[in-house]
Amino acid sequence: MTEPDRSLAKSRDAIEARAADFLQRRYLMRWTAGDQAELDDWLDEDTAHRVAFLRLEAGAASVARLSDLGPPWFNRMLERWRLRLQAPFLAAAGFAGIVAAAYVASPYLLMPADRAFTTDVGGRAVIKFGDRSEVELNTDTAVRYRMTTAERTVWLDRGEAWFHVAHDAAHPFTVIAGNRRITDLGTEFLVRRGSKNLEVALLKGRAAVSAEGAQTAMLAPGDELFATPFATALTHKSQQELADETAWRKGFLLFHRTKLVDAIGEVNRYSKAKLVIRDPVVANMTIGGAFETDSLAGFLEAMQSVLKLNVAYSGTDIVLSRAPNEQKHTRTEKETHSR
């Protein structure tokens, strides 16, 4: 082998070792958004990086499919022992070699676990995938995802997320929220999952929303689907309305003559301290403006200076009420009207 050939082989080995390291970390360790960003940067550096990674990932996916043939007791045993089978063994044998040997020797390998990511109350995070798709998570949101050469699936377990999907007709991008399935058709969309309700708003492209026993809804830009366990409604919103709904991505909540009780419902999503209204008159007041999602103090200041409300602290609750003089004024108006 000539010197140039040796250098080329050494470079190729180094690339495959780096790709194997990424796969080892993603399949067997806790994979974070920072890890994903590091992988994305490395894949963008050179086509050879992407080719090596996809080739090794395809081998790992094949082994994962074979694991379905294993008996449940075997997979449970591997789950208990996974920590003992991790880094030292892989480092000694080489991840690529293990994949190749296991493919031939045994169908009973542990399927790679789905990745999971959560945000705290008031938190926000972005997950970037190797196919250039992105998911931005809003406050108190939990997702799981499985990204392989054969499958692109995200489960939204709770909360709200914005999706920017790199379209690939051969490998659909699917978001599962409860019993609803959103399938990308070249898309940018928003999904919000509550305890009983689901909202899907399409900003760009097309998307299909389906559920077992229900007709598939095809969404066009501006369409918003609202689903409960018993009914589904489809409405259309302007680009400005959709932009307002995604203002949280820039750290803001936007209100336009919004009932205070509804505005507080949104503000409470970003704070562990909860605002409470016990007066129906206060609940029906309206408010407008832009408020920072991480500044509860700014919102309370507006309540006091603009709406002239009283702010009182009760444990972890913050109670909004009319000031005593305002209550007296309201009673006087009612008495005068009754005469």
Protein backbone atom coordinates (compact mmCIF):
# COMPACT_ATOMS: atom_id res chain seq x y z
CA MET A 1 0.00 0.00 0.00
CA THR A 2 1.42 3.39 -1.01
CA GLU A 3 1.70 6.30 1.41
CA PRO A 4 -1.30 8.18 -0.12
CA ASP A 5 -3.35 4.99 0.16
CA ARG A 6 -2.37 4.60 3.81
CA SER A 7 -3.34 8.22 4.51
CA LEU A 8 -6.70 7.74 2.79
CA ALA A 9 -7.41 4.54 4.74
CA LYS A 10 -6.42 6.24 7.99
CA SER A 11 -8.74 9.17 7.22
CA ARG A 12 -11.59 6.78 6.38
CA ASP A 13 -11.04 4.83 9.61
CA ALA A 14 -11.09 8.06 11.62
CA ILE A 15 -14.37 9.13 10.01
CA GLU A 16 -15.99 5.75 10.68
CA ALA A 17 -14.74 5.80 14.28
CA ARG A 18 -16.30 9.23 14.77
CA ALA A 19 -19.59 8.09 13.21
CA ALA A 20 -19.55 4.99 15.42
CA ASP A 21 -18.99 7.16 18.49
CA PHE A 22 -22.06 9.28 17.66
CA LEU A 23 -24.19 6.15 17.15
CA GLN A 24 -22.96 4.59 20.39
CA ARG A 25 -23.88 7.71 22.33
CA ARG A 26 -27.27 8.06 20.66
CA TYR A 27 -28.34 4.42 21.08
CA LEU A 28 -26.91 3.61 24.49
CA MET A 29 -26.53 6.87 26.40
CA ARG A 30 -28.62 9.93 27.20
CA TRP A 31 -28.81 11.92 23.95
CA THR A 32 -29.28 15.67 24.41
CA ALA A 33 -30.06 18.58 22.12
CA GLY A 34 -26.39 19.56 22.41
CA ASP A 35 -25.34 16.12 21.17
CA GLN A 36 -27.69 16.49 18.22
CA ALA A 37 -26.25 19.91 17.36
CA GLU A 38 -22.72 18.48 17.51
CA LEU A 39 -23.74 15.65 15.16
CA ASP A 40 -25.41 18.08 12.74
CA ASP A 41 -22.28 20.23 12.56
CA TRP A 42 -20.08 17.18 11.90
CA LEU A 43 -22.42 15.88 9.18
CA ASP A 44 -22.36 19.27 7.45
CA GLU A 45 -18.56 19.40 7.36
CA ASP A 46 -18.06 16.73 4.70
CA THR A 47 -20.17 14.45 2.51
CA ALA A 48 -17.93 11.56 3.60
CA HIS A 49 -19.09 12.12 7.18
CA ARG A 50 -22.74 11.82 6.17
CA VAL A 51 -22.12 8.72 4.05
CA ALA A 52 -20.27 6.93 6.87
CA PHE A 53 -22.90 7.82 9.44
CA LEU A 54 -25.84 6.72 7.27
CA ARG A 55 -24.12 3.44 6.40
CA LEU A 56 -23.46 2.55 10.05
CA GLU A 57 -26.90 3.76 11.09
CA ALA A 58 -28.51 1.50 8.47
CA GLY A 59 -26.66 -1.48 9.96
CA ALA A 60 -27.82 -0.55 13.44
CA ALA A 61 -31.42 -0.20 12.22
CA SER A 62 -31.25 -3.68 10.68
CA VAL A 63 -30.15 -5.14 14.01
CA ALA A 64 -32.97 -3.25 15.73
CA ARG A 65 -35.53 -4.82 13.39
CA LEU A 66 -34.13 -8.28 14.13
CA SER A 67 -34.62 -7.70 17.84
CA ASP A 68 -38.38 -7.93 17.29
CA LEU A 69 -37.87 -11.69 16.84
CA GLY A 70 -36.47 -12.08 20.35
CA PRO A 71 -38.63 -13.43 23.16
CA PRO A 72 -39.89 -10.83 25.68
CA TRP A 73 -37.92 -12.39 28.56
CA PHE A 74 -34.68 -11.92 26.61
CA ASN A 75 -35.32 -8.27 25.83
CA ARG A 76 -36.24 -7.59 29.46
CA MET A 77 -33.01 -9.23 30.58
CA LEU A 78 -31.00 -7.06 28.19
CA GLU A 79 -32.74 -3.95 29.46
CA ARG A 80 -31.66 -4.76 33.03
CA TRP A 81 -28.08 -5.40 31.94
CA ARG A 82 -27.73 -2.60 29.41
CA LEU A 83 -25.57 -0.38 31.64
CA ARG A 84 -23.08 -3.23 32.03
CA LEU A 85 -22.93 -3.73 28.28
CA GLN A 86 -22.20 -0.11 27.42
CA ALA A 87 -19.02 1.89 26.90
CA PRO A 88 -16.13 -0.41 27.94
CA PHE A 89 -17.29 -3.29 25.76
CA LEU A 90 -18.12 -1.07 22.81
CA ALA A 91 -14.84 0.81 23.04
CA ALA A 92 -12.84 -2.41 23.01
CA ALA A 93 -14.63 -4.09 20.10
CA GLY A 94 -15.68 -1.07 18.05
CA PHE A 95 -19.32 -0.22 17.48
CA ALA A 96 -19.29 -1.04 13.77
CA GLY A 97 -17.73 -4.44 14.40
CA ILE A 98 -20.33 -5.27 17.04
CA VAL A 99 -23.15 -4.35 14.68
CA ALA A 100 -21.75 -6.56 11.92
CA ALA A 101 -21.07 -9.52 14.21
CA ALA A 102 -24.42 -9.26 15.95
CA TYR A 103 -26.28 -9.10 12.65
CA VAL A 104 -24.86 -12.53 11.72
CA ALA A 105 -24.71 -14.13 15.16
CA SER A 106 -27.92 -13.26 17.01
CA PRO A 107 -31.40 -11.86 16.43
CA TYR A 108 -31.74 -11.16 20.16
CA LEU A 109 -30.23 -7.69 20.52
CA LEU A 110 -31.78 -4.86 22.46
CA MET A 111 -33.69 -2.42 20.27
CA PRO A 112 -32.23 1.10 20.63
CA ALA A 113 -34.35 3.10 23.05
CA ASP A 114 -36.34 6.08 21.80
CA ARG A 115 -34.80 9.42 22.69
CA ALA A 116 -36.69 11.69 25.11
CA PHE A 117 -36.53 15.40 25.82
CA THR A 118 -38.47 17.67 28.19
CA THR A 119 -38.60 21.35 29.08
CA ASP A 120 -39.29 22.79 32.51
CA VAL A 121 -42.09 25.23 33.28
CA GLY A 122 -41.02 28.45 31.56
CA GLY A 123 -38.37 26.63 29.52
CA ARG A 124 -37.84 26.42 25.77
CA ALA A 125 -35.53 24.25 23.66
CA VAL A 126 -34.76 23.33 20.04
CA ILE A 127 -33.96 19.83 18.76
CA LYS A 128 -32.25 19.63 15.36
CA PHE A 129 -32.14 16.37 13.45
CA GLY A 130 -29.66 15.11 10.86
CA ASP A 131 -32.24 15.46 8.06
CA ARG A 132 -32.43 19.22 8.82
CA SER A 133 -35.85 18.95 10.46
CA GLU A 134 -36.32 20.93 13.68
CA VAL A 135 -38.62 20.75 16.69
CA GLU A 136 -38.91 23.70 19.07
CA LEU A 137 -40.42 22.87 22.45
CA ASN A 138 -42.42 25.36 24.48
CA THR A 139 -42.86 25.45 28.26
CA ASP A 140 -43.48 22.21 30.19
CA THR A 141 -43.33 20.00 27.09
CA ALA A 142 -42.31 16.36 26.76
CA VAL A 143 -41.46 14.55 23.53
CA ARG A 144 -39.95 11.24 22.49
CA TYR A 145 -38.51 10.63 19.06
CA ARG A 146 -37.17 7.86 16.87
CA MET A 147 -35.00 9.05 13.97
CA THR A 148 -33.44 6.37 11.76
CA THR A 149 -32.93 5.87 8.05
CA ALA A 150 -36.23 3.99 8.01
CA GLU A 151 -38.42 6.00 10.39
CA ARG A 152 -39.01 9.57 11.51
CA THR A 153 -41.47 9.67 14.40
CA VAL A 154 -42.04 12.13 17.26
CA TRP A 155 -44.43 11.51 20.14
CA LEU A 156 -45.78 14.65 21.82
CA ASP A 157 -46.65 13.44 25.31
CA ARG A 158 -47.64 16.86 26.62
CA GLY A 159 -47.23 20.56 25.93
CA GLU A 160 -46.62 22.49 22.74
CA ALA A 161 -44.10 22.20 19.91
CA TRP A 162 -43.36 23.85 16.58
CA PHE A 163 -42.20 21.57 13.77
CA HIS A 164 -40.18 22.48 10.69
CA VAL A 165 -39.96 19.32 8.58
CA ALA A 166 -37.52 18.55 5.78
CA HIS A 167 -39.81 16.70 3.37
CA ASP A 168 -38.85 13.19 2.30
CA ALA A 169 -41.61 11.34 0.45
CA ALA A 170 -39.91 7.98 1.02
CA HIS A 171 -39.68 8.55 4.79
CA PRO A 172 -42.74 10.45 6.11
CA PHE A 173 -42.31 12.54 9.24
CA THR A 174 -45.04 11.60 11.75
CA VAL A 175 -46.10 13.30 14.98
CA ILE A 176 -48.24 11.24 17.34
CA ALA A 177 -50.24 13.04 20.03
CA GLY A 178 -52.62 10.77 21.89
CA ASN A 179 -54.72 8.96 19.32
CA ARG A 180 -54.03 11.57 16.63
CA ARG A 181 -51.38 11.23 13.97
CA ILE A 182 -50.02 14.22 12.00
CA THR A 183 -48.20 13.28 8.80
CA ASP A 184 -45.94 15.77 7.04
CA LEU A 185 -46.42 16.58 3.39
CA GLY A 186 -43.73 19.29 3.28
CA THR A 187 -44.67 21.24 6.33
CA GLU A 188 -44.28 23.80 9.10
CA PHE A 189 -46.86 23.37 11.83
CA LEU A 190 -47.69 23.85 15.50
CA VAL A 191 -49.10 21.16 17.81
CA ARG A 192 -50.45 21.81 21.29
CA ARG A 193 -51.61 18.92 23.46
CA GLY A 194 -53.62 19.50 26.61
CA SER A 195 -55.03 16.95 29.03
CA LYS A 196 -58.11 16.44 26.83
CA ASN A 197 -57.74 18.70 23.80
CA LEU A 198 -55.42 18.84 20.81
CA GLU A 199 -54.72 21.79 18.49
CA VAL A 200 -52.86 21.56 15.19
CA ALA A 201 -52.15 24.76 13.23
CA LEU A 202 -50.53 24.62 9.80
CA LEU A 203 -48.27 27.52 8.86
CA LYS A 204 -46.74 26.24 5.60
CA GLY A 205 -47.05 23.28 3.25
CA ARG A 206 -49.59 20.50 3.81
CA ALA A 207 -50.30 17.99 6.54
CA ALA A 208 -52.71 15.15 7.18
CA VAL A 209 -54.29 14.61 10.62
CA SER A 210 -55.81 11.19 11.21
CA ALA A 211 -57.26 9.12 14.04
CA GLU A 212 -58.61 5.61 14.22
CA GLY A 213 -62.29 5.56 13.29
CA ALA A 214 -62.26 9.17 12.05
CA GLN A 215 -61.93 10.75 8.64
CA THR A 216 -58.47 12.10 7.76
CA ALA A 217 -58.31 15.90 7.70
CA MET A 218 -56.06 17.52 5.09
CA LEU A 219 -54.73 20.86 6.32
CA ALA A 220 -53.73 23.80 4.13
CA PRO A 221 -51.78 26.87 5.32
CA GLY A 222 -53.84 28.79 7.86
CA ASP A 223 -55.98 25.81 8.86
CA GLU A 224 -56.28 25.02 12.55
CA LEU A 225 -57.75 21.76 13.80
CA PHE A 226 -59.20 21.56 17.30
CA ALA A 227 -59.99 18.07 18.59
CA THR A 228 -61.60 16.72 21.74
CA PRO A 229 -62.33 13.07 22.53
CA PHE A 230 -65.82 13.61 21.11
CA ALA A 231 -65.54 16.12 18.26
CA THR A 232 -63.23 17.76 15.74
CA ALA A 233 -63.51 21.29 14.34
CA LEU A 234 -61.54 22.91 11.53
CA THR A 235 -61.17 26.69 11.27
CA HIS A 236 -59.04 29.05 9.21
CA LYS A 237 -56.82 31.78 10.63
CA SER A 238 -54.89 34.64 9.11
CA GLN A 239 -51.11 34.62 8.92
CA GLN A 240 -51.08 37.35 11.60
CA GLU A 241 -53.18 35.22 13.95
CA LEU A 242 -50.85 32.26 13.42
CA ALA A 243 -47.83 34.51 13.98
CA ASP A 244 -49.37 35.61 17.29
CA GLU A 245 -49.81 31.97 18.33
CA THR A 246 -46.13 31.28 17.73
CA ALA A 247 -44.86 34.47 19.40
CA TRP A 248 -43.65 32.28 22.29
CA ARG A 249 -40.79 31.24 20.03
CA LYS A 250 -39.48 34.80 20.46
CA GLY A 251 -40.30 34.88 24.16
CA PHE A 252 -43.62 36.75 24.04
CA LEU A 253 -47.33 36.26 24.62
CA LEU A 254 -49.58 38.49 22.48
CA PHE A 255 -53.12 39.43 23.50
CA HIS A 256 -55.71 41.39 21.52
CA ARG A 257 -58.76 42.34 23.59
CA THR A 258 -58.45 38.99 25.32
CA LYS A 259 -60.56 38.15 28.35
CA LEU A 260 -58.37 38.29 31.42
CA VAL A 261 -59.35 34.78 32.50
CA ASP A 262 -58.08 33.45 29.14
CA ALA A 263 -54.91 35.55 29.25
CA ILE A 264 -54.11 34.27 32.73
CA GLY A 265 -54.58 30.71 31.51
CA GLU A 266 -51.73 31.35 29.07
CA VAL A 267 -49.51 33.20 31.55
CA ASN A 268 -49.85 30.38 34.09
CA ARG A 269 -48.28 27.92 31.63
CA TYR A 270 -44.95 29.73 32.05
CA SER A 271 -44.86 30.14 35.83
CA LYS A 272 -44.85 27.81 38.83
CA ALA A 273 -46.68 30.50 40.80
CA LYS A 274 -50.27 30.56 39.54
CA LEU A 275 -52.52 33.58 39.03
CA VAL A 276 -56.04 33.18 40.40
CA ILE A 277 -59.26 35.16 39.78
CA ARG A 278 -62.23 34.71 42.10
CA ASP A 279 -64.27 37.68 40.92
CA PRO A 280 -66.30 37.23 37.69
CA VAL A 281 -66.11 40.96 37.01
CA VAL A 282 -62.31 40.75 36.93
CA ALA A 283 -62.40 37.53 34.88
CA ASN A 284 -64.36 39.28 32.11
CA MET A 285 -62.06 42.29 31.86
CA THR A 286 -60.10 42.47 28.59
CA ILE A 287 -56.41 43.06 28.02
CA GLY A 288 -54.11 43.65 25.06
CA GLY A 289 -50.38 43.90 24.55
CA ALA A 290 -47.15 41.92 24.37
CA PHE A 291 -45.81 40.30 27.53
CA GLU A 292 -42.52 38.48 28.06
CA THR A 293 -43.03 34.81 28.88
CA ASP A 294 -40.29 34.91 31.53
CA SER A 295 -41.46 38.07 33.29
CA LEU A 296 -44.43 37.44 35.56
CA ALA A 297 -43.54 40.66 37.37
CA GLY A 298 -44.09 42.64 34.16
CA PHE A 299 -47.54 41.13 33.70
CA LEU A 300 -48.49 41.87 37.33
CA GLU A 301 -47.29 45.45 36.94
CA ALA A 302 -49.68 45.85 34.01
CA MET A 303 -52.51 44.39 36.08
CA GLN A 304 -51.93 47.02 38.75
CA SER A 305 -51.15 50.06 36.60
CA VAL A 306 -53.53 49.48 33.67
CA LEU A 307 -56.44 47.50 35.09
CA LYS A 308 -56.05 48.92 38.62
CA LEU A 309 -56.23 45.45 40.16
CA ASN A 310 -55.11 44.44 43.60
CA VAL A 311 -52.41 41.75 43.79
CA ALA A 312 -52.29 39.52 46.87
CA TYR A 313 -50.11 36.48 47.59
CA SER A 314 -51.67 33.36 49.08
CA GLY A 315 -49.19 30.48 49.32
CA THR A 316 -48.14 29.65 45.77
CA ASP A 317 -51.18 31.50 44.34
CA ILE A 318 -51.32 35.14 43.30
CA VAL A 319 -54.88 36.46 43.62
CA LEU A 320 -56.07 39.27 41.37
CA SER A 321 -59.04 41.29 42.58
CA ARG A 322 -60.60 44.71 42.31
CA ALA A 323 -59.21 47.33 44.66
CA PRO A 324 -61.63 48.21 47.50
CA ASN A 325 -62.49 51.60 46.00
CA GLU A 326 -63.22 49.96 42.63
CA GLN A 327 -65.59 47.46 44.27
CA LYS A 328 -67.41 50.31 46.02
CA HIS A 329 -67.69 52.18 42.73
CA THR A 330 -69.20 49.12 41.03
CA ARG A 331 -71.77 48.65 43.83
CA THR A 332 -72.79 52.32 43.61
CA GLU A 333 -73.33 51.98 39.84
CA LYS A 334 -75.57 48.94 40.39
CA GLU A 335 -77.61 50.71 43.07
CA THR A 336 -78.09 53.78 40.88
CA HIS A 337 -79.12 51.62 37.93
CA SER A 338 -81.66 49.71 40.07
CA ARG A 339 -83.41 52.95 41.05
